[in-house]
Protein backbone atom coordinates (compact mmCIF):
# COMPACT_ATOMS: atom_id res chain seq x y z
CA MET A 1 -0.01 0.02 0.12
CA GLU A 2 1.32 3.43 -0.92
CA ALA A 3 0.15 6.43 0.81
CA GLU A 4 1.66 9.91 1.05
CA LYS A 5 2.31 11.10 4.50
CA LYS A 6 0.76 14.39 5.30
CA GLY A 7 2.87 16.03 7.87
CA PRO A 8 1.79 18.86 10.03
CA SER A 9 2.55 22.40 8.73
CA ARG A 10 5.61 23.92 10.31
CA ARG A 11 5.80 27.35 11.68
CA PRO A 12 8.85 29.54 11.25
CA HIS A 13 11.59 28.90 13.70
CA THR A 14 12.37 31.69 16.06
CA LYS A 15 15.70 31.79 17.42
CA THR A 16 16.56 33.07 20.92
CA ARG A 17 19.93 33.97 22.46
CA LEU A 18 18.40 33.58 25.99
CA GLY A 19 17.35 29.93 25.77
CA CYS A 20 18.93 27.19 27.88
CA ASN A 21 21.99 25.46 26.72
CA THR A 22 20.29 22.36 25.92
CA CYS A 23 17.70 23.98 23.55
CA LYS A 24 20.53 26.01 21.90
CA HIS A 25 22.38 22.73 21.20
CA ARG A 26 19.22 21.01 19.80
CA LYS A 27 18.37 24.18 17.78
CA VAL A 28 14.84 24.40 19.12
CA ARG A 29 12.97 27.27 20.60
CA CYS A 30 13.19 27.54 24.35
CA ASP A 31 10.29 28.90 26.47
CA LEU A 32 12.87 30.34 28.88
CA ALA A 33 10.98 28.85 31.89
CA LYS A 34 13.19 28.57 34.91
CA PRO A 35 14.55 26.74 36.72
CA VAL A 36 13.58 24.17 34.05
CA CYS A 37 12.14 24.84 30.61
CA GLN A 38 9.29 22.76 29.15
CA ASN A 39 11.33 21.14 26.34
CA CYS A 40 13.90 19.71 28.94
CA THR A 41 11.17 18.66 31.26
CA ARG A 42 9.25 16.79 28.63
CA GLY A 43 12.40 15.18 27.26
CA ASN A 44 13.89 14.32 30.66
CA ARG A 45 16.96 16.44 29.75
CA THR A 46 19.40 18.35 31.91
CA CYS A 47 18.41 22.08 31.66
CA THR A 48 21.09 24.63 32.33
CA TYR A 49 21.44 28.34 31.59
CA SER A 50 24.66 30.19 30.86
CA ASN A 51 23.74 32.71 33.34
CA ALA A 52 22.97 30.68 36.44
CA SER A 53 21.41 33.48 38.40
CA HIS A 54 17.73 34.05 38.16
CA PRO A 55 16.40 36.72 40.53
CA GLY A 56 12.79 35.76 39.72
CA SER A 57 13.02 32.20 41.03
CA PRO A 58 12.26 32.83 44.68
CA SER A 59 8.98 34.47 43.61
CA ILE A 60 7.97 31.70 41.34
CA LEU A 61 8.17 28.93 43.84
CA PRO A 62 6.39 28.93 47.26
CA SER A 63 8.30 28.33 50.43
CA PRO A 64 10.17 25.13 49.66
CA ASN A 65 9.89 23.72 53.24
CA ASP A 66 6.15 24.37 53.60
CA LEU A 67 5.30 23.15 50.09
CA ASP A 68 7.46 20.05 50.45
CA VAL A 69 5.72 19.18 53.65
CA GLU A 70 2.21 19.73 52.04
CA LEU A 71 3.28 17.61 48.98
CA MET A 72 4.64 14.72 51.07
CA HIS A 73 1.46 14.76 53.15
CA HIS A 74 -0.57 14.70 49.94
CA TRP A 75 1.45 11.74 48.71
CA THR A 76 0.95 9.62 51.85
CA VAL A 77 -2.97 10.24 52.09
CA SER A 78 -3.75 10.26 48.47
CA THR A 79 -1.19 10.08 45.60
CA TYR A 80 0.34 6.81 46.62
CA THR A 81 -2.93 5.15 45.56
CA VAL A 82 -2.23 6.15 41.97
CA VAL A 83 0.81 4.14 42.05
CA ALA A 84 -0.38 1.28 44.23
CA SER A 85 -3.57 0.30 42.50
CA GLU A 86 -3.71 -2.81 44.62
CA PRO A 87 -4.33 -2.94 48.36
CA ARG A 88 -1.38 -5.16 48.94
CA GLN A 89 0.88 -2.50 47.55
CA HIS A 90 -0.38 0.28 49.65
CA TRP A 91 2.27 -0.01 52.50
CA LEU A 92 5.07 -0.27 49.80
CA TRP A 93 4.18 3.07 48.29
CA GLN A 94 2.73 4.89 51.20
CA VAL A 95 5.30 4.00 53.85
CA PHE A 96 8.35 2.19 52.50
CA THR A 97 8.99 4.41 49.46
CA PRO A 98 8.88 7.71 51.31
CA ARG A 99 11.15 6.18 53.96
CA LEU A 100 13.56 5.16 51.26
CA ALA A 101 13.33 8.62 49.74
CA PHE A 102 14.79 10.23 52.82
CA ARG A 103 17.96 8.37 52.02
CA TYR A 104 17.91 9.15 48.19
CA PRO A 105 17.18 12.78 47.33
CA PHE A 106 16.33 11.93 43.76
CA LEU A 107 13.56 9.77 44.76
CA LEU A 108 12.29 12.43 47.33
CA HIS A 109 12.26 15.00 44.38
CA GLY A 110 10.31 12.39 42.37
CA ILE A 111 7.65 11.96 44.96
CA LEU A 112 7.22 15.65 45.39
CA ALA A 113 6.99 16.18 41.56
CA PHE A 114 4.26 13.50 41.05
CA ALA A 115 2.41 14.65 44.14
CA ALA A 116 2.41 18.24 42.64
CA LEU A 117 0.93 16.87 39.36
CA HIS A 118 -1.66 14.96 41.29
CA ARG A 119 -2.80 18.03 43.22
CA ARG A 120 -2.63 20.04 39.98
CA TYR A 121 -5.22 17.56 38.46
CA LEU A 122 -7.51 17.95 41.49
CA THR A 123 -7.78 21.62 41.51
CA ASP A 124 -9.74 24.03 39.10
CA ASP A 125 -7.84 27.03 40.26
CA GLN A 126 -5.65 28.19 37.34
CA HIS A 127 -3.27 30.03 39.31
CA GLU A 128 -2.70 27.18 41.55
CA ARG A 129 -2.39 24.73 38.64
CA ASP A 130 0.29 26.90 37.05
CA SER A 131 2.22 27.12 40.36
CA LEU A 132 1.97 23.40 40.80
CA LEU A 133 3.24 22.70 37.32
CA THR A 134 6.17 24.94 37.95
CA VAL A 135 6.88 23.11 41.13
CA ALA A 136 6.60 19.72 39.48
CA ARG A 137 9.07 20.70 36.77
CA TYR A 138 11.52 21.87 39.35
CA HIS A 139 11.43 18.70 41.32
CA GLN A 140 11.57 16.49 38.19
CA GLN A 141 14.70 18.35 37.03
CA GLN A 142 16.36 18.06 40.33
CA ALA A 143 15.68 14.38 40.47
CA LEU A 144 16.91 13.80 36.98
CA THR A 145 20.12 15.64 37.74
CA LEU A 146 20.82 13.14 40.59
CA TYR A 147 19.22 10.00 39.04
CA ILE A 148 20.97 9.93 35.59
CA PRO A 149 24.45 9.56 36.69
CA LEU A 150 23.56 6.68 39.04
CA LEU A 151 22.26 4.68 36.12
CA GLN A 152 25.84 3.89 35.43
CA ALA A 153 26.41 2.53 38.87
CA ILE A 154 23.37 0.45 39.84
CA ASN A 155 24.21 -1.77 42.71
CA ASP A 156 22.40 -3.93 45.38
CA GLU A 157 21.99 -0.83 47.66
CA ASN A 158 20.65 1.75 45.38
CA CYS A 159 18.67 -0.38 42.98
CA HIS A 160 15.49 -0.33 45.09
CA ALA A 161 15.36 3.53 45.11
CA LEU A 162 16.32 3.68 41.42
CA PHE A 163 13.54 1.25 40.52
CA ALA A 164 10.97 3.22 42.65
CA PHE A 165 12.00 6.42 40.90
CA SER A 166 11.91 4.90 37.47
CA VAL A 167 8.24 3.82 38.04
CA ILE A 168 7.38 7.37 39.44
CA LEU A 169 9.21 9.04 36.44
CA THR A 170 7.07 7.04 33.90
CA LEU A 171 3.89 8.27 35.63
CA ILE A 172 5.32 11.84 35.70
CA CYS A 173 5.81 11.67 31.92
CA TYR A 174 2.27 10.49 31.39
CA ALA A 175 1.03 13.12 33.77
CA MET A 176 2.91 15.80 31.85
CA LEU A 177 0.76 14.81 28.74
CA GLN A 178 -2.19 16.51 30.58
CA ASP A 179 -0.45 19.83 30.01
CA SER A 180 -2.51 21.48 27.29
CA GLU A 181 0.05 24.13 26.48
CA THR A 182 1.21 23.81 22.88
CA ASP A 183 4.75 23.92 21.82
CA GLU A 184 5.81 23.98 18.20
CA SER A 185 8.93 21.94 18.70
CA GLU A 186 7.27 19.18 20.80
CA SER A 187 4.08 17.47 19.48
CA LEU A 188 1.92 15.15 21.55
CA VAL A 189 3.29 12.19 19.62
CA THR A 190 6.80 13.11 20.53
CA ARG A 191 5.84 13.33 24.12
CA PHE A 192 4.38 9.93 23.93
CA ASN A 193 7.70 8.63 22.61
CA GLU A 194 9.40 10.13 25.63
CA ALA A 195 6.95 8.55 27.97
CA PHE A 196 7.69 5.18 26.19
CA ASP A 197 11.37 5.71 26.61
CA SER A 198 10.73 6.09 30.45
CA VAL A 199 8.68 2.81 30.42
CA ILE A 200 11.76 1.12 28.62
CA GLY A 201 14.08 2.72 31.24
CA ALA A 202 12.11 1.40 34.21
CA THR A 203 12.26 -2.01 32.66
CA ALA A 204 15.99 -1.76 32.07
CA VAL A 205 16.57 -0.81 35.70
CA ALA A 206 14.51 -3.78 36.78
CA PHE A 207 16.41 -6.23 34.65
CA GLN A 208 19.80 -4.98 35.82
CA ALA A 209 18.96 -5.77 39.41
CA LEU A 210 16.16 -8.24 39.02
CA ASP A 211 17.31 -10.84 41.67
CA THR A 212 17.90 -8.15 44.24
CA LEU A 213 14.71 -6.48 43.68
CA LYS A 214 12.77 -9.81 43.72
CA ALA A 215 14.32 -10.52 47.11
CA GLY A 216 13.41 -7.09 48.55
CA GLU A 217 10.31 -5.08 49.25
CA PHE A 218 9.61 -4.53 45.57
CA GLY A 219 9.50 -8.34 44.96
CA ALA A 220 5.70 -8.25 45.41
CA ILE A 221 5.21 -6.21 42.23
CA MET A 222 7.92 -7.90 40.13
CA THR A 223 5.40 -9.90 38.27
CA PRO A 224 5.96 -11.04 34.66
CA LEU A 225 3.94 -9.34 31.88
CA GLU A 226 0.80 -11.15 30.70
CA PRO A 227 1.75 -13.24 27.69
CA THR A 228 1.45 -11.46 24.36
CA VAL A 229 -1.57 -12.85 22.56
CA ASN A 230 -0.76 -14.78 19.28
CA SER A 231 -4.43 -15.22 17.95
CA LEU A 232 -7.25 -12.72 17.48
CA SER A 233 -10.00 -15.39 17.66
CA GLY A 234 -11.18 -14.33 21.11
CA PHE A 235 -12.10 -10.72 20.31
CA ASP A 236 -15.42 -9.17 19.17
CA ASP A 237 -15.92 -8.76 15.44
CA GLY A 238 -15.17 -5.10 15.36
CA THR A 239 -11.95 -5.36 17.31
CA ARG A 240 -10.74 -8.42 15.37
CA GLU A 241 -11.45 -6.99 12.02
CA SER A 242 -9.61 -3.79 12.86
CA LEU A 243 -6.46 -5.68 14.17
CA GLU A 244 -6.62 -8.02 11.01
CA ALA A 245 -6.69 -4.89 8.87
CA LEU A 246 -3.53 -3.47 10.57
CA LEU A 247 -1.86 -7.02 10.04
CA THR A 248 -2.95 -7.05 6.42
CA CYS A 249 -1.65 -3.51 5.84
CA ALA A 250 1.82 -4.47 7.39
CA GLU A 251 2.02 -7.38 4.99
CA ARG A 252 1.41 -5.02 2.04
CA VAL A 253 3.79 -2.32 3.27
CA CYS A 254 6.51 -5.05 3.66
CA GLU A 255 5.78 -6.92 0.39
CA ALA A 256 9.11 -7.78 -1.44
CA LYS A 257 9.78 -5.76 -4.51
CA PRO A 258 11.57 -7.51 -7.36
CA GLY A 259 14.91 -6.19 -8.20
CA GLU A 260 15.27 -4.20 -4.88
CA ASP A 261 17.10 -4.95 -1.73
CA ASN A 262 14.48 -6.43 0.53
CA SER A 263 16.89 -7.54 3.37
CA ASN A 264 15.16 -5.35 6.10
CA LEU A 265 11.59 -6.01 5.13
CA ILE A 266 11.26 -9.04 7.31
CA THR A 267 12.61 -7.10 10.34
CA GLN A 268 10.14 -4.38 9.59
CA ARG A 269 7.22 -6.62 9.20
CA ASN A 270 8.10 -8.39 12.47
CA ALA A 271 8.23 -4.98 14.21
CA TYR A 272 4.80 -4.07 13.04
CA PHE A 273 3.37 -7.51 14.09
CA SER A 274 4.96 -7.20 17.57
CA ALA A 275 3.31 -3.85 18.08
CA ILE A 276 -0.10 -5.04 16.76
CA PHE A 277 -0.24 -8.26 18.79
CA GLY A 278 1.04 -6.24 21.86
CA LEU A 279 -1.87 -3.86 21.18
CA ALA A 280 -4.24 -6.92 21.15
CA SER A 281 -2.76 -8.00 24.48
CA THR A 282 -3.67 -4.57 26.07
CA LEU A 283 -7.16 -4.95 24.88
CA THR A 284 -7.60 -8.17 26.92
CA PRO A 285 -9.33 -7.40 30.10
CA LEU A 286 -6.98 -7.46 33.19
CA PRO A 287 -8.01 -9.47 36.20
CA GLU A 288 -8.99 -7.22 39.07
CA ASP A 289 -6.04 -8.12 41.17
CA ARG A 290 -3.55 -7.05 38.54
CA ASN A 291 -1.91 -3.60 38.36
CA ARG A 292 -3.96 -1.24 36.29
CA GLY A 293 -0.69 0.37 35.38
CA ALA A 294 0.05 -2.71 33.16
CA ILE A 295 -1.77 -0.94 30.44
CA LEU A 296 1.41 1.23 30.26
CA ALA A 297 3.57 -1.74 29.37
CA TRP A 298 2.72 -1.79 25.68
CA PRO A 299 6.08 -0.26 24.51
CA VAL A 300 7.84 -3.15 26.38
CA MET A 301 5.89 -5.63 24.12
CA CYS A 302 7.12 -3.85 20.93
CA GLN A 303 10.33 -4.42 19.38
CA SER A 304 12.91 -1.61 19.47
CA GLU A 305 12.70 -1.33 15.70
CA PHE A 306 9.05 -0.35 15.98
CA LEU A 307 9.80 2.34 18.49
CA THR A 308 12.43 3.71 16.16
CA MET A 309 9.99 3.73 13.29
CA LEU A 310 7.48 5.63 15.58
CA LYS A 311 10.14 8.22 16.28
CA GLN A 312 10.78 8.50 12.55
CA ARG A 313 7.09 9.16 11.98
CA ASP A 314 6.52 6.00 9.87
CA PRO A 315 2.80 6.30 9.06
CA LEU A 316 1.78 2.67 9.84
CA ALA A 317 3.69 2.92 13.07
CA LEU A 318 1.75 6.09 13.76
CA VAL A 319 -1.64 4.46 12.96
CA ILE A 320 -0.86 1.59 15.34
CA LEU A 321 0.00 4.15 17.99
CA GLY A 322 -3.37 5.79 17.34
CA ASN A 323 -5.19 2.59 17.91
CA TYR A 324 -3.37 2.28 21.28
CA SER A 325 -5.70 5.16 22.30
CA VAL A 326 -8.49 2.49 22.77
CA PRO A 327 -6.86 0.48 25.64
CA LEU A 328 -6.02 3.90 27.24
CA HIS A 329 -9.50 4.85 27.01
CA LEU A 330 -11.21 1.64 28.03
CA GLN A 331 -8.95 0.18 30.64
CA HIS A 332 -7.32 3.07 32.41
CA ARG A 333 -9.80 2.55 35.33
CA GLY A 334 -9.81 6.09 36.43
CA LEU A 335 -6.02 6.53 36.39
CA PHE A 336 -5.81 10.37 36.33
CA ILE A 337 -2.64 10.60 34.18
CA LEU A 338 -4.54 9.13 31.16
CA ASP A 339 -7.73 11.24 31.71
CA GLY A 340 -8.88 12.54 28.22
CA ILE A 341 -5.55 11.57 26.62
CA ALA A 342 -6.96 8.88 24.33
CA LYS A 343 -8.98 11.45 22.15
CA ARG A 344 -6.11 13.77 22.05
CA LEU A 345 -3.76 11.13 20.88
CA ILE A 346 -5.84 9.71 18.00
CA GLU A 347 -6.51 13.34 16.78
CA ALA A 348 -2.78 14.09 16.85
CA VAL A 349 -2.00 10.90 14.96
CA ALA A 350 -4.73 11.73 12.42
CA ASN A 351 -3.21 15.18 11.90
CA GLU A 352 0.23 13.68 11.21
CA VAL A 353 -0.76 10.91 8.71
CA GLY A 354 -2.41 11.40 5.27
CA ALA A 355 -6.23 10.91 4.58
CA ALA A 356 -5.30 7.50 3.09
CA TRP A 357 -4.64 6.13 6.49
CA HIS A 358 -7.50 7.44 8.25
CA PRO A 359 -9.83 4.39 7.67
CA TYR A 360 -7.35 2.60 9.96
CA LEU A 361 -8.24 4.92 12.71
CA GLU A 362 -12.06 4.80 12.39
CA TRP A 363 -12.58 1.82 14.73
CA ALA A 364 -10.45 3.60 17.38
CA ARG A 365 -12.40 6.64 16.98
CA MET A 366 -15.80 4.88 17.44
CA ARG A 367 -14.61 3.03 20.52
CA ILE A 368 -13.46 6.23 22.16
CA ALA A 369 -16.67 7.94 21.44
CA GLU A 370 -18.53 5.12 23.45
CA PRO A 371 -19.45 6.10 26.96
CA PHE A 372 -17.01 4.91 29.58
CA THR A 373 -18.05 3.94 32.97
CA PRO A 374 -14.98 4.00 35.39
CA ALA A 375 -14.36 1.63 38.17
CA ALA A 376 -15.36 2.56 41.67
CA SER A 377 -13.83 5.86 42.71
CA THR A 378 -10.74 5.91 44.79
CA SER A 379 -8.97 8.65 46.73
CA GLU A 380 -7.14 9.71 43.66
CA ASN A 381 -10.26 11.34 42.09
CA THR A 382 -11.44 12.90 45.25
C-alpha cells in the first residue's frame, strides 16, 4: 500500500539568545521557563542556563519547606494510591518508598514532583495549577540531575530507590501529557515517545537488578507481563477486523519488490506484528487483582525497531499508536494521568498521517466515542 504522508505544517523557527544550553544545542525554541524549561522537562533532559542566576526564582516557587511538607502529606494520604492500585501494594508506596526517599534525594524529588502533578489535576484554580506545574518541573529536573548519573552505577544498595523512581518517572511523563500548553517543537506524539522511553528505562533498571529487587520489598510487584496474545479469535468482530486490517496493511507495506534490496523487510514486518499483537494484549481485560498500570507496558511488548519507526514518523507505526488510544480509554480505570488523553492522541495521529490512513483509525475513534464507566472511585479522584 502506498500512501503519502501528510505532515503537519511547520511554523517559522524563532531563534533566541536567551534559551537554555540544551535547547541551543538542539536548535529548538526555548520557552525560557526557569529553573527548568518545558522542552527539557518533557524530554527528561538536563536544563542549564549560561547565566545561572535568576532573581525571579524565589517569587515563582512557594516556600520550599512548607510546600514540600504539604506535597509529602498529599502523597501519603492520596497520591500513593495512584501508584499502588492494589491494596497489597499500599504499604510499599505509602510507607516504604517515602522512607527510602529520605536516604535518596532523587527519589524524594520524584515523589514531590508527582504529588504536585496529582494536586494540580484535582484543583480547578488556574493560578494554583500553574504554580503546581512549575513546582513539578522543578522537582523533576532536580531528580533527573541526581538520578541519571547513578544509572551507570546500579548496585544492590541503590537499585530499590532507582527502581521506585523509574516507576514514578514514567507516571510523571504520562501526567505531563495533561499539560494542554502547545509547543511548536514538541508534539503530543513526540511526548508519547518520551513517555515510552521512560517505560523502557524502568524495565532496564529492573532487569539490571532483578534478583535483588525480587528478594526485597519490591518483589511483590515484580510480576511478569501477561503473555502477548498470538491469536485474534477471542475478540469481538469489530476489534478482530480492525486488528486484522492492521496486520494485512503491514504485509502489504513489507511486500518484497523484485529487483530491490528487501533484506530489512522481514525485520520491519516483525516489528509491526509485535506492536499489533502487543496492542491486542492490552485490549484483553485485566484481572481485578492485576496492576492497572500494566496498560502502560505496551512499549515493552514492542520491538525496538518499531519504537524507532515511531520516532521517525513512519505512517503505519503512527496508525498503530493511534489505535493504542483504545486501551488507554477503556482500561485506565480512572487513572488520572490518562484522563482524556486517548482522544487527544488519536487526533494528533490523524493530523500527522495522510487521509489514506484515516480508515485504519475509524474503529478507534468509534470506541473512544462510546460512554466509559470508570471503576469505583478511589482517593485519587477525590
